[in-house]
Amino acid sequence: MEYLFVLAGGFALLFLIILISNKGKRTDHWILALLLILIITSSYYVFLLYHKNGDYYQPIFSEINYAIPLLYGVLLWFYSRSLLLRDFSFKKLDILHFLPFVIFLAYVFYMMLNQKIEVEHKMGYPLIKLIINPIYIFLTLNFLNRFNKKIQDKYSFDLQEHHYWLSWVAYGGLGLWIVACLGNIFNYLNEGQYNLLGDYFLVGFLALFLFILAYVGFNRTKIFQAVQEDVVIDMEEEIPTLEKSNDKKEYKEQFDKLLAVMNTDKPYLDSQLSLHKLATISKIPAGKLSSVINTYADQNFYDFVNTYRVKLIKERLRTDDMELYSILGIAEECGFNSKASFNRVFKKMEGKTPTQYLKSIG
């Protein structure tokens, strides 16, 4: 069963190799790389520990591995901020977030030197880890929740893709914490050969979680690809194209397919439509779909979708039943989820506010 640790470490190593082999790495890539290195190190240590039936101790290496889990929540917090915030940078006060790790590591060294490890182990070294990590996990989830409300109104499909990826990572971290709590309760209540069996459950969950992240990372996002420019693209910024694509014919066929879907299925009526939802509906991979839109519509994802919404709103405003509805009510039926985003997008595309446009058509 100890080979579960090898499986978990193997997935983390695969991610790490792909990540460090790419050019154009940013701060978020380095933080993610550090997280993967820590997972690999912990997996290797616990594999050695269980392979030798718990009778394994290596000075310094063992102490560090006792403290490593304290870094997971902190690094997750910094990773999410560095990936989503354009102006993110480390500040001097940020070092305070690593203070619990330093203090705990010093404490473990002290206990090891005084041969009190057995007593402390029965008392539960993991207790402090189970207290610190959820604080940062819930901070991250709260940050993602607040940030999600801004994506529809202000940011590009790239940022939504990163938010989607981070949601998987953060909720997976929450799941790992829950499994760790249950595992420690199991270990505390059981002795002998069943003691520490809860750790197998934790690493088994970790291996499964990393496998799922592999699918999400490689098939639903471009998170492991090299970054050529700032990935946080504002809706007003220049849109990349595929002028250097070696197979523009294929992309043109995909674009025609997309137009047929937009006109027939009208997915833009869904106010929660995302790049991934549209990719599922159109059966075009998300990474390719964004490039197709950029190249042949000369727009980013949100402008492309909002063009259809605004066109439909203009048609509705010209109908005889206009007096039965408010402008905002029509906007919501056409796919907008807030008054602010509707007014901003409409004025951007038509050069006038919805009210001004209504007056102009009598």
Protein backbone atom coordinates (compact mmCIF):
# COMPACT_ATOMS: atom_id res chain seq x y z
CA MET A 1 0.00 0.00 0.00
CA GLU A 2 2.96 2.32 0.52
CA TYR A 3 3.25 2.65 -3.25
CA LEU A 4 0.37 5.08 -3.09
CA PHE A 5 3.04 7.53 -1.98
CA VAL A 6 5.04 6.77 -5.11
CA LEU A 7 1.94 7.38 -7.24
CA ALA A 8 1.22 10.74 -5.59
CA GLY A 9 4.84 11.82 -5.84
CA GLY A 10 4.94 10.65 -9.47
CA PHE A 11 2.02 12.85 -10.49
CA ALA A 12 3.57 15.82 -8.70
CA LEU A 13 6.91 15.15 -10.43
CA LEU A 14 5.20 15.05 -13.83
CA PHE A 15 3.59 18.43 -13.17
CA LEU A 16 6.91 19.84 -12.00
CA ILE A 17 8.86 18.67 -15.06
CA ILE A 18 6.31 20.16 -17.43
CA LEU A 19 6.20 23.40 -15.46
CA ILE A 20 9.95 24.00 -15.28
CA SER A 21 10.47 23.02 -18.93
CA ASN A 22 8.31 25.91 -20.11
CA LYS A 23 9.67 29.34 -20.85
CA GLY A 24 8.11 32.58 -19.72
CA LYS A 25 7.45 31.51 -16.14
CA ARG A 26 5.86 34.01 -13.78
CA THR A 27 5.59 34.29 -10.00
CA ASP A 28 2.58 31.95 -9.86
CA HIS A 29 4.55 29.26 -11.72
CA TRP A 30 7.41 29.42 -9.21
CA ILE A 31 5.00 29.18 -6.27
CA LEU A 32 3.26 26.20 -7.87
CA ALA A 33 6.65 24.60 -8.53
CA LEU A 34 7.56 25.00 -4.85
CA LEU A 35 4.27 23.38 -3.83
CA LEU A 36 4.99 20.42 -6.10
CA ILE A 37 8.53 20.05 -4.73
CA LEU A 38 7.14 19.92 -1.19
CA ILE A 39 4.57 17.27 -2.19
CA ILE A 40 7.30 15.18 -3.82
CA THR A 41 9.56 15.52 -0.78
CA SER A 42 6.80 14.57 1.66
CA SER A 43 5.70 11.63 -0.49
CA TYR A 44 9.25 10.31 -0.65
CA TYR A 45 9.76 10.69 3.10
CA VAL A 46 6.53 8.95 4.05
CA PHE A 47 7.29 6.17 1.56
CA LEU A 48 10.61 5.55 3.34
CA LEU A 49 8.88 5.74 6.71
CA TYR A 50 6.26 3.16 5.85
CA HIS A 51 8.64 0.99 3.87
CA LYS A 52 10.63 0.54 7.07
CA ASN A 53 7.54 0.04 9.24
CA GLY A 54 7.85 3.45 10.85
CA ASP A 55 11.42 2.88 12.01
CA TYR A 56 13.03 5.60 9.95
CA TYR A 57 14.76 8.78 11.07
CA GLN A 58 17.13 11.00 9.15
CA PRO A 59 18.44 14.10 10.95
CA ILE A 60 17.20 17.40 9.52
CA PHE A 61 15.31 15.63 6.71
CA SER A 62 12.81 14.13 9.14
CA GLU A 63 12.33 17.38 11.05
CA ILE A 64 11.71 19.35 7.87
CA ASN A 65 9.13 16.84 6.70
CA TYR A 66 7.23 17.12 9.96
CA ALA A 67 6.85 20.85 9.31
CA ILE A 68 6.32 20.91 5.51
CA PRO A 69 2.50 20.51 5.66
CA LEU A 70 2.30 23.88 7.40
CA LEU A 71 3.38 25.49 4.12
CA TYR A 72 0.63 24.06 1.94
CA GLY A 73 -2.13 26.46 2.97
CA VAL A 74 0.15 29.50 2.91
CA LEU A 75 1.48 28.71 -0.55
CA LEU A 76 -2.03 28.03 -1.85
CA TRP A 77 -3.04 31.47 -0.64
CA PHE A 78 -0.11 33.19 -2.36
CA TYR A 79 -0.53 31.06 -5.50
CA SER A 80 -4.16 32.11 -5.95
CA ARG A 81 -3.34 35.78 -5.51
CA SER A 82 -0.33 35.70 -7.82
CA LEU A 83 -2.35 33.98 -10.55
CA LEU A 84 -5.37 36.27 -10.45
CA LEU A 85 -4.03 39.67 -9.40
CA ARG A 86 -2.23 41.67 -12.06
CA ASP A 87 -0.27 43.81 -9.59
CA PHE A 88 0.68 40.99 -7.17
CA SER A 89 4.12 41.18 -5.59
CA PHE A 90 5.62 39.90 -2.35
CA LYS A 91 5.90 42.46 0.41
CA LYS A 92 8.09 42.43 3.50
CA LEU A 93 5.16 41.76 5.81
CA ASP A 94 4.27 38.64 3.82
CA ILE A 95 7.11 36.84 5.54
CA LEU A 96 4.96 36.76 8.67
CA HIS A 97 2.76 34.15 7.00
CA PHE A 98 5.69 31.72 7.18
CA LEU A 99 6.31 32.36 10.88
CA PRO A 100 4.20 29.36 12.10
CA PHE A 101 6.29 27.07 9.89
CA VAL A 102 9.57 28.45 11.27
CA ILE A 103 8.40 28.26 14.90
CA PHE A 104 7.03 24.73 14.49
CA LEU A 105 10.22 23.58 12.75
CA ALA A 106 12.34 24.96 15.59
CA TYR A 107 10.05 23.23 18.09
CA VAL A 108 10.39 19.90 16.30
CA PHE A 109 14.18 20.21 16.26
CA TYR A 110 14.11 20.88 19.99
CA MET A 111 11.91 17.84 20.68
CA MET A 112 14.08 15.62 18.49
CA LEU A 113 17.25 16.68 20.26
CA ASN A 114 15.66 15.99 23.63
CA GLN A 115 14.30 12.62 22.49
CA LYS A 116 10.72 13.56 23.20
CA ILE A 117 9.45 12.71 19.74
CA GLU A 118 7.48 9.62 20.84
CA VAL A 119 5.54 11.50 23.49
CA GLU A 120 4.81 14.37 21.17
CA HIS A 121 3.86 12.03 18.37
CA LYS A 122 1.17 10.40 20.52
CA MET A 123 -0.07 13.84 21.49
CA GLY A 124 -0.45 14.57 17.81
CA TYR A 125 2.06 16.62 15.86
CA PRO A 126 -0.55 17.07 13.10
CA LEU A 127 -2.81 19.11 15.38
CA ILE A 128 -1.14 22.44 14.60
CA LYS A 129 -1.23 21.60 10.87
CA LEU A 130 -4.93 20.89 11.03
CA ILE A 131 -5.48 24.30 12.62
CA ILE A 132 -3.26 26.50 10.43
CA ASN A 133 -4.01 25.09 6.96
CA PRO A 134 -7.82 25.47 6.98
CA ILE A 135 -7.42 29.16 7.82
CA TYR A 136 -5.61 29.73 4.53
CA ILE A 137 -7.86 27.35 2.61
CA PHE A 138 -10.96 29.28 3.63
CA LEU A 139 -9.19 32.59 2.95
CA THR A 140 -8.46 31.31 -0.54
CA LEU A 141 -12.03 30.13 -1.11
CA ASN A 142 -13.38 33.47 0.07
CA PHE A 143 -10.96 35.28 -2.24
CA LEU A 144 -12.07 33.15 -5.21
CA ASN A 145 -15.74 33.71 -4.40
CA ARG A 146 -15.32 37.48 -4.27
CA PHE A 147 -13.20 37.52 -7.39
CA ASN A 148 -15.69 35.41 -9.32
CA LYS A 149 -18.27 38.19 -9.07
CA LYS A 150 -15.94 40.51 -11.00
CA ILE A 151 -15.01 38.16 -13.82
CA GLN A 152 -18.20 38.50 -15.86
CA ASP A 153 -18.02 42.27 -15.86
CA LYS A 154 -14.36 43.05 -16.22
CA TYR A 155 -11.94 40.30 -17.15
CA SER A 156 -11.02 38.07 -20.07
CA PHE A 157 -11.53 34.35 -20.64
CA ASP A 158 -7.93 33.68 -19.55
CA LEU A 159 -8.67 34.87 -16.04
CA GLN A 160 -11.87 32.85 -15.90
CA GLU A 161 -9.85 29.81 -16.91
CA HIS A 162 -7.41 30.44 -14.08
CA HIS A 163 -10.28 30.93 -11.64
CA TYR A 164 -11.72 27.59 -12.77
CA TRP A 165 -8.36 25.88 -12.18
CA LEU A 166 -7.90 27.49 -8.77
CA SER A 167 -11.37 26.39 -7.70
CA TRP A 168 -10.37 22.77 -8.32
CA VAL A 169 -7.11 23.26 -6.40
CA ALA A 170 -8.74 25.05 -3.46
CA TYR A 171 -11.68 22.69 -3.01
CA GLY A 172 -9.29 19.76 -3.41
CA GLY A 173 -7.19 21.26 -0.63
CA LEU A 174 -10.31 21.48 1.51
CA GLY A 175 -11.02 17.82 0.77
CA LEU A 176 -7.47 16.86 1.74
CA TRP A 177 -7.85 18.71 5.04
CA ILE A 178 -11.11 16.89 5.81
CA VAL A 179 -9.52 13.51 5.00
CA ALA A 180 -6.50 14.45 7.13
CA CYS A 181 -8.79 15.24 10.09
CA LEU A 182 -10.61 11.93 9.73
CA GLY A 183 -7.30 10.10 9.32
CA ASN A 184 -5.87 11.57 12.50
CA ILE A 185 -9.01 10.69 14.43
CA PHE A 186 -8.69 7.14 13.11
CA ASN A 187 -5.01 6.99 14.09
CA TYR A 188 -5.75 8.31 17.57
CA LEU A 189 -8.45 5.72 18.18
CA ASN A 190 -6.44 2.78 16.86
CA GLU A 191 -3.14 1.32 17.99
CA GLY A 192 -0.72 -1.30 16.73
CA GLN A 193 -0.70 -2.28 13.09
CA TYR A 194 -3.70 -0.10 12.33
CA ASN A 195 -2.09 3.02 13.72
CA LEU A 196 -1.25 5.53 10.98
CA LEU A 197 -3.54 3.71 8.56
CA GLY A 198 -5.37 7.01 8.23
CA ASP A 199 -2.30 8.37 6.45
CA TYR A 200 -2.83 5.81 3.70
CA PHE A 201 -6.31 7.21 3.20
CA LEU A 202 -4.89 10.73 2.97
CA VAL A 203 -2.21 9.89 0.42
CA GLY A 204 -4.62 7.72 -1.54
CA PHE A 205 -6.94 10.73 -1.78
CA LEU A 206 -3.96 12.90 -2.75
CA ALA A 207 -3.01 10.53 -5.59
CA LEU A 208 -6.59 10.55 -6.88
CA PHE A 209 -6.79 14.34 -6.55
CA LEU A 210 -3.54 14.85 -8.49
CA PHE A 211 -4.83 12.56 -11.22
CA ILE A 212 -7.98 14.70 -11.51
CA LEU A 213 -5.86 17.85 -11.56
CA ALA A 214 -3.86 16.34 -14.40
CA TYR A 215 -7.05 15.99 -16.43
CA VAL A 216 -8.25 19.49 -15.54
CA GLY A 217 -4.85 21.07 -16.13
CA PHE A 218 -4.15 19.49 -19.50
CA ASN A 219 -7.63 19.15 -20.98
CA ARG A 220 -9.64 22.04 -19.58
CA THR A 221 -7.03 24.78 -19.10
CA LYS A 222 -3.69 26.02 -20.35
CA ILE A 223 -2.30 26.35 -16.85
CA PHE A 224 0.91 24.41 -17.57
CA GLN A 225 1.66 26.17 -20.83
CA ALA A 226 4.32 28.82 -21.11
CA VAL A 227 3.17 32.40 -20.75
CA GLN A 228 4.22 34.73 -23.55
CA GLU A 229 2.47 37.84 -22.29
CA ASP A 230 0.62 38.93 -19.17
CA VAL A 231 -2.15 36.34 -18.92
CA VAL A 232 -4.53 38.75 -17.20
CA ILE A 233 -5.96 40.33 -20.33
CA ASP A 234 -8.37 43.19 -19.86
CA MET A 235 -11.31 43.41 -22.25
CA GLU A 236 -9.93 46.66 -23.65
CA GLU A 237 -6.53 45.22 -24.52
CA GLU A 238 -5.26 43.96 -27.86
CA ILE A 239 -6.48 40.48 -28.77
CA PRO A 240 -3.96 37.87 -29.96
CA THR A 241 -4.51 36.13 -33.28
CA LEU A 242 -3.39 32.96 -34.98
CA GLU A 243 -1.55 34.51 -37.90
CA LYS A 244 1.24 31.99 -37.42
CA SER A 245 -1.04 28.98 -37.15
CA ASN A 246 -0.04 26.07 -39.38
CA ASP A 247 -3.58 24.91 -39.85
CA LYS A 248 -5.88 27.89 -40.33
CA LYS A 249 -8.27 25.81 -42.42
CA GLU A 250 -9.10 23.68 -39.38
CA TYR A 251 -9.72 26.78 -37.26
CA LYS A 252 -11.97 28.28 -39.94
CA GLU A 253 -14.06 25.10 -39.95
CA GLN A 254 -14.28 25.27 -36.16
CA PHE A 255 -15.36 28.91 -36.35
CA ASP A 256 -18.14 28.09 -38.84
CA LYS A 257 -19.23 25.32 -36.49
CA LEU A 258 -19.24 27.78 -33.59
CA LEU A 259 -21.36 30.30 -35.52
CA ALA A 260 -23.90 27.58 -36.27
CA VAL A 261 -24.10 26.71 -32.57
CA MET A 262 -24.50 30.36 -31.55
CA ASN A 263 -27.32 30.91 -34.03
CA THR A 264 -29.10 27.62 -33.42
CA ASP A 265 -28.65 26.84 -29.72
CA LYS A 266 -28.31 30.45 -28.52
CA PRO A 267 -25.99 29.59 -25.60
CA TYR A 268 -25.40 33.32 -25.02
CA LEU A 269 -28.80 33.48 -23.29
CA ASP A 270 -27.16 31.75 -20.33
CA SER A 271 -25.89 34.52 -18.05
CA GLN A 272 -23.37 32.08 -16.56
CA LEU A 273 -21.95 31.06 -19.94
CA SER A 274 -18.23 30.48 -19.71
CA LEU A 275 -15.54 29.47 -22.15
CA HIS A 276 -15.70 25.91 -20.83
CA LYS A 277 -19.49 25.73 -21.10
CA LEU A 278 -19.37 26.95 -24.67
CA ALA A 279 -16.56 24.49 -25.41
CA THR A 280 -18.77 21.66 -24.14
CA ILE A 281 -21.78 22.82 -26.14
CA SER A 282 -19.84 23.37 -29.37
CA LYS A 283 -17.62 20.32 -28.81
CA ILE A 284 -14.53 22.44 -29.48
CA PRO A 285 -11.64 22.18 -26.94
CA ALA A 286 -11.50 25.26 -24.70
CA GLY A 287 -7.93 26.18 -25.64
CA LYS A 288 -8.70 25.94 -29.36
CA LEU A 289 -12.05 27.71 -28.95
CA SER A 290 -10.44 30.83 -27.49
CA SER A 291 -7.93 30.97 -30.35
CA VAL A 292 -10.67 30.48 -32.95
CA ILE A 293 -12.67 33.39 -31.53
CA ASN A 294 -9.63 35.64 -31.31
CA THR A 295 -8.57 34.94 -34.88
CA TYR A 296 -11.81 34.92 -36.86
CA ALA A 297 -14.06 37.17 -34.77
CA ASP A 298 -11.21 39.52 -33.84
CA GLN A 299 -12.68 39.60 -30.34
CA ASN A 300 -12.08 38.02 -27.00
CA PHE A 301 -14.58 35.52 -25.59
CA TYR A 302 -16.71 38.02 -23.68
CA ASP A 303 -16.98 40.54 -26.50
CA PHE A 304 -17.89 37.75 -28.89
CA VAL A 305 -20.72 36.49 -26.67
CA ASN A 306 -21.91 39.97 -25.74
CA THR A 307 -22.19 40.92 -29.42
CA TYR A 308 -24.97 38.36 -29.76
CA ARG A 309 -26.65 39.57 -26.59
CA VAL A 310 -26.61 43.22 -27.65
CA LYS A 311 -27.91 42.34 -31.11
CA LEU A 312 -30.84 40.45 -29.58
CA ILE A 313 -31.56 43.30 -27.16
CA LYS A 314 -31.71 45.78 -30.05
CA GLU A 315 -34.18 43.53 -31.83
CA ARG A 316 -36.31 43.28 -28.69
CA LEU A 317 -36.25 47.04 -28.16
CA ARG A 318 -37.76 47.53 -31.62
CA THR A 319 -40.68 45.15 -31.10
CA ASP A 320 -44.22 46.19 -30.19
CA ASP A 321 -44.14 44.40 -26.82
CA MET A 322 -41.31 46.61 -25.57
CA GLU A 323 -43.72 48.51 -23.32
CA LEU A 324 -44.45 45.31 -21.41
CA TYR A 325 -40.86 44.96 -20.20
CA SER A 326 -38.16 47.10 -18.65
CA ILE A 327 -34.85 47.49 -20.47
CA LEU A 328 -33.09 45.69 -17.63
CA GLY A 329 -35.62 42.86 -17.78
CA ILE A 330 -34.90 42.38 -21.47
CA ALA A 331 -31.15 42.50 -20.80
CA GLU A 332 -31.47 39.74 -18.20
CA GLU A 333 -33.49 37.60 -20.59
CA CYS A 334 -30.78 38.10 -23.22
CA GLY A 335 -27.97 36.88 -20.98
CA PHE A 336 -26.71 39.80 -18.91
CA ASN A 337 -26.53 39.18 -15.17
CA SER A 338 -26.15 42.74 -13.89
CA LYS A 339 -27.20 46.26 -14.76
CA ALA A 340 -23.62 47.54 -14.57
CA SER A 341 -22.23 45.04 -17.08
CA PHE A 342 -25.21 45.55 -19.41
CA ASN A 343 -24.83 49.35 -19.49
CA ARG A 344 -21.07 49.18 -19.91
CA VAL A 345 -21.12 46.61 -22.71
CA PHE A 346 -24.01 48.26 -24.56
CA LYS A 347 -22.36 51.67 -24.53
CA LYS A 348 -19.05 50.18 -25.61
CA MET A 349 -20.63 48.47 -28.63
CA GLU A 350 -23.24 51.06 -29.62
CA GLY A 351 -21.60 54.29 -28.50
CA LYS A 352 -24.62 55.26 -26.40
CA THR A 353 -26.45 54.05 -23.31
CA PRO A 354 -29.49 51.74 -23.64
CA THR A 355 -31.79 54.65 -22.73
CA GLN A 356 -30.19 56.91 -25.33
CA TYR A 357 -30.50 54.18 -27.93
CA LEU A 358 -34.19 53.66 -27.10
CA LYS A 359 -34.85 57.36 -27.52
CA SER A 360 -33.01 57.39 -30.83
CA ILE A 361 -35.37 54.78 -32.29
CA GLY A 362 -38.44 56.61 -31.11
